[in-house]
Amino acid sequence: QVQLVESGGGLVQAGGSLRLSCAASGLTFSTYLMGWFRQAPGKEREFVAAIAWTGGRISYADSVKGRFTISRDNAKNTAYLQMNSLKPEDTAVYYCAAAFGRVVATTRDEYNYWGQGTQVTVSS
């Protein structure tokens, strides 16, 4: 079965950095767009970033542009989210997701598979 496992979440101070990882298994990694979403308590799950197989098509939410960087290592079937200059408003559960045959996707219904999430907490 398909499995996406996030790791790297934790507690950091404002202005700090954190790198999230998403290890994929049970799917053909090269056929999927990889994305990151986040959900804060009482909020809707929102798009953060996405990257296509070749890495040539990358998209970011305006709120994270210039601070976050998405990447993928296809040989390791792993996607990453490097988060710099973290703010308290970045606090959320971060989810990895995979969208079949896409080069760009920013809505939840476009993604086929989801991880269980990893908590990121940024203190003031």
C-alpha atoms as a PDB file:
ATOM      1  CA  GLN A   1       0.000   0.000   0.000  1.00  0.00           C
ATOM      2  CA  VAL A   2       0.989   3.604  -0.504  1.00  0.00           C
ATOM      3  CA  GLN A   3       2.594   5.286   2.465  1.00  0.00           C
ATOM      4  CA  LEU A   4       3.851   8.822   3.004  1.00  0.00           C
ATOM      5  CA  VAL A   5       5.726   9.416   6.246  1.00  0.00           C
ATOM      6  CA  GLU A   6       6.644  12.905   7.412  1.00  0.00           C
ATOM      7  CA  SER A   7       9.448  13.652   9.845  1.00  0.00           C
ATOM      8  CA  GLY A   8      11.451  16.605  11.105  1.00  0.00           C
ATOM      9  CA  GLY A   9       8.784  18.548  12.946  1.00  0.00           C
ATOM     10  CA  GLY A  10       9.368  20.017  16.368  1.00  0.00           C
ATOM     11  CA  LEU A  11       9.540  23.133  18.511  1.00  0.00           C
ATOM     12  CA  VAL A  12      11.643  26.074  17.340  1.00  0.00           C
ATOM     13  CA  GLN A  13      12.011  29.735  18.217  1.00  0.00           C
ATOM     14  CA  ALA A  14      10.834  32.498  15.913  1.00  0.00           C
ATOM     15  CA  GLY A  15      13.476  33.195  13.303  1.00  0.00           C
ATOM     16  CA  GLY A  16      14.765  29.649  13.413  1.00  0.00           C
ATOM     17  CA  SER A  17      14.853  26.940  10.762  1.00  0.00           C
ATOM     18  CA  LEU A  18      13.521  23.444  10.334  1.00  0.00           C
ATOM     19  CA  ARG A  19      13.599  20.865   7.543  1.00  0.00           C
ATOM     20  CA  LEU A  20      10.743  18.450   7.001  1.00  0.00           C
ATOM     21  CA  SER A  21      11.109  15.179   5.127  1.00  0.00           C
ATOM     22  CA  CYS A  22       8.511  13.008   3.415  1.00  0.00           C
ATOM     23  CA  ALA A  23       9.462   9.419   2.612  1.00  0.00           C
ATOM     24  CA  ALA A  24       7.226   7.768   0.018  1.00  0.00           C
ATOM     25  CA  SER A  25       6.713   4.060  -0.583  1.00  0.00           C
ATOM     26  CA  GLY A  26       4.281   1.846  -2.465  1.00  0.00           C
ATOM     27  CA  LEU A  27       4.017   4.190  -5.446  1.00  0.00           C
ATOM     28  CA  THR A  28       5.996   5.093  -8.531  1.00  0.00           C
ATOM     29  CA  PHE A  29       7.564   8.253  -7.205  1.00  0.00           C
ATOM     30  CA  SER A  30       8.411   9.647 -10.644  1.00  0.00           C
ATOM     31  CA  THR A  31       4.735   9.831 -11.660  1.00  0.00           C
ATOM     32  CA  TYR A  32       3.661  12.042  -8.754  1.00  0.00           C
ATOM     33  CA  LEU A  33       3.762  15.718  -7.974  1.00  0.00           C
ATOM     34  CA  MET A  34       4.759  16.137  -4.333  1.00  0.00           C
ATOM     35  CA  GLY A  35       3.200  18.810  -2.191  1.00  0.00           C
ATOM     36  CA  TRP A  36       3.083  20.183   1.330  1.00  0.00           C
ATOM     37  CA  PHE A  37       0.011  21.472   3.142  1.00  0.00           C
ATOM     38  CA  ARG A  38      -0.477  22.696   6.688  1.00  0.00           C
ATOM     39  CA  GLN A  39      -3.359  22.980   9.104  1.00  0.00           C
ATOM     40  CA  ALA A  40      -3.495  25.085  12.254  1.00  0.00           C
ATOM     41  CA  PRO A  41      -6.083  24.471  15.011  1.00  0.00           C
ATOM     42  CA  GLY A  42      -9.488  25.742  13.929  1.00  0.00           C
ATOM     43  CA  LYS A  43      -8.230  26.513  10.425  1.00  0.00           C
ATOM     44  CA  GLU A  44      -8.669  24.893   7.034  1.00  0.00           C
ATOM     45  CA  ARG A  45      -5.857  22.884   5.560  1.00  0.00           C
ATOM     46  CA  GLU A  46      -3.924  25.209   3.276  1.00  0.00           C
ATOM     47  CA  PHE A  47      -1.484  24.763   0.436  1.00  0.00           C
ATOM     48  CA  VAL A  48       2.172  25.485   1.176  1.00  0.00           C
ATOM     49  CA  ALA A  49       4.308  24.292  -1.746  1.00  0.00           C
ATOM     50  CA  ALA A  50       4.546  21.725  -4.546  1.00  0.00           C
ATOM     51  CA  ILE A  51       7.238  20.342  -6.840  1.00  0.00           C
ATOM     52  CA  ALA A  52       7.024  18.289 -10.036  1.00  0.00           C
ATOM     53  CA  TRP A  53       9.147  15.248 -10.884  1.00  0.00           C
ATOM     54  CA  THR A  54      11.875  17.211 -12.655  1.00  0.00           C
ATOM     55  CA  GLY A  55      11.891  20.036 -10.138  1.00  0.00           C
ATOM     56  CA  GLY A  56      11.268  22.508 -12.942  1.00  0.00           C
ATOM     57  CA  ARG A  57       7.742  23.361 -11.800  1.00  0.00           C
ATOM     58  CA  ILE A  58       7.629  24.696  -8.265  1.00  0.00           C
ATOM     59  CA  SER A  59       4.899  26.694  -6.576  1.00  0.00           C
ATOM     60  CA  TYR A  60       4.570  28.362  -3.166  1.00  0.00           C
ATOM     61  CA  ALA A  61       1.882  30.022  -1.140  1.00  0.00           C
ATOM     62  CA  ASP A  62       2.474  33.762  -0.865  1.00  0.00           C
ATOM     63  CA  SER A  63       2.771  33.472   2.904  1.00  0.00           C
ATOM     64  CA  VAL A  64       5.899  31.298   2.673  1.00  0.00           C
ATOM     65  CA  LYS A  65       7.526  32.527  -0.529  1.00  0.00           C
ATOM     66  CA  GLY A  66      11.102  33.599   0.093  1.00  0.00           C
ATOM     67  CA  ARG A  67      11.287  31.690   3.372  1.00  0.00           C
ATOM     68  CA  PHE A  68      10.459  28.076   2.478  1.00  0.00           C
ATOM     69  CA  THR A  69      12.080  25.881  -0.154  1.00  0.00           C
ATOM     70  CA  ILE A  70      10.626  22.639  -1.481  1.00  0.00           C
ATOM     71  CA  SER A  71      12.833  19.981  -3.057  1.00  0.00           C
ATOM     72  CA  ARG A  72      12.851  16.272  -3.846  1.00  0.00           C
ATOM     73  CA  ASP A  73      15.410  13.503  -4.110  1.00  0.00           C
ATOM     74  CA  ASN A  74      13.958  11.060  -6.604  1.00  0.00           C
ATOM     75  CA  ALA A  75      16.634   8.443  -5.939  1.00  0.00           C
ATOM     76  CA  LYS A  76      15.516   8.364  -2.302  1.00  0.00           C
ATOM     77  CA  ASN A  77      11.780   8.730  -2.984  1.00  0.00           C
ATOM     78  CA  THR A  78      11.797  11.657  -0.583  1.00  0.00           C
ATOM     79  CA  ALA A  79      10.455  15.204  -0.643  1.00  0.00           C
ATOM     80  CA  TYR A  80      11.664  18.005   1.609  1.00  0.00           C
ATOM     81  CA  LEU A  81      10.496  21.341   2.918  1.00  0.00           C
ATOM     82  CA  GLN A  82      13.221  23.655   4.185  1.00  0.00           C
ATOM     83  CA  MET A  83      11.680  26.305   6.417  1.00  0.00           C
ATOM     84  CA  ASN A  84      13.675  29.406   7.329  1.00  0.00           C
ATOM     85  CA  SER A  85      12.812  32.601   9.205  1.00  0.00           C
ATOM     86  CA  LEU A  86       9.980  30.806  10.938  1.00  0.00           C
ATOM     87  CA  LYS A  87       7.145  32.822  12.449  1.00  0.00           C
ATOM     88  CA  PRO A  88       4.599  31.898  15.133  1.00  0.00           C
ATOM     89  CA  GLU A  89       1.907  31.910  12.443  1.00  0.00           C
ATOM     90  CA  ASP A  90       3.723  29.007  10.768  1.00  0.00           C
ATOM     91  CA  THR A  91       2.665  26.811  13.686  1.00  0.00           C
ATOM     92  CA  ALA A  92       0.591  23.944  12.290  1.00  0.00           C
ATOM     93  CA  VAL A  93       0.519  20.276  11.457  1.00  0.00           C
ATOM     94  CA  TYR A  94       2.343  19.859   8.159  1.00  0.00           C
ATOM     95  CA  TYR A  95       1.186  17.208   5.703  1.00  0.00           C
ATOM     96  CA  CYS A  96       2.949  15.645   2.767  1.00  0.00           C
ATOM     97  CA  ALA A  97       0.803  14.749  -0.252  1.00  0.00           C
ATOM     98  CA  ALA A  98       1.174  13.131  -3.686  1.00  0.00           C
ATOM     99  CA  ALA A  99      -0.766  13.992  -6.860  1.00  0.00           C
ATOM    100  CA  PHE A 100      -0.680  11.572  -9.772  1.00  0.00           C
ATOM    101  CA  GLY A 101       0.377  12.893 -13.146  1.00  0.00           C
ATOM    102  CA  ARG A 102       0.380  16.554 -12.148  1.00  0.00           C
ATOM    103  CA  VAL A 103       2.950  19.271 -12.662  1.00  0.00           C
ATOM    104  CA  VAL A 104       1.123  21.767 -10.454  1.00  0.00           C
ATOM    105  CA  ALA A 105      -1.683  21.344  -7.913  1.00  0.00           C
ATOM    106  CA  THR A 106      -2.759  23.647  -5.088  1.00  0.00           C
ATOM    107  CA  THR A 107      -6.057  22.180  -3.844  1.00  0.00           C
ATOM    108  CA  ARG A 108      -6.716  19.170  -1.627  1.00  0.00           C
ATOM    109  CA  ASP A 109      -8.911  17.317  -4.107  1.00  0.00           C
ATOM    110  CA  GLU A 110      -6.077  17.153  -6.641  1.00  0.00           C
ATOM    111  CA  TYR A 111      -3.967  14.952  -4.381  1.00  0.00           C
ATOM    112  CA  ASN A 112      -4.325  11.186  -4.192  1.00  0.00           C
ATOM    113  CA  TYR A 113      -2.369  10.312  -1.064  1.00  0.00           C
ATOM    114  CA  TRP A 114      -1.583  11.954   2.254  1.00  0.00           C
ATOM    115  CA  GLY A 115       0.761  11.445   5.158  1.00  0.00           C
ATOM    116  CA  GLN A 116      -0.312  11.581   8.791  1.00  0.00           C
ATOM    117  CA  GLY A 117       1.348  14.921   9.440  1.00  0.00           C
ATOM    118  CA  THR A 118       4.111  16.282  11.632  1.00  0.00           C
ATOM    119  CA  GLN A 119       3.706  19.058  14.200  1.00  0.00           C
ATOM    120  CA  VAL A 120       5.652  22.287  13.805  1.00  0.00           C
ATOM    121  CA  THR A 121       5.481  24.763  16.668  1.00  0.00           C
ATOM    122  CA  VAL A 122       7.153  28.174  16.504  1.00  0.00           C
ATOM    123  CA  SER A 123       7.445  30.075  19.775  1.00  0.00           C
ATOM    124  CA  SER A 124       7.481  33.864  20.086  1.00  0.00           C
END
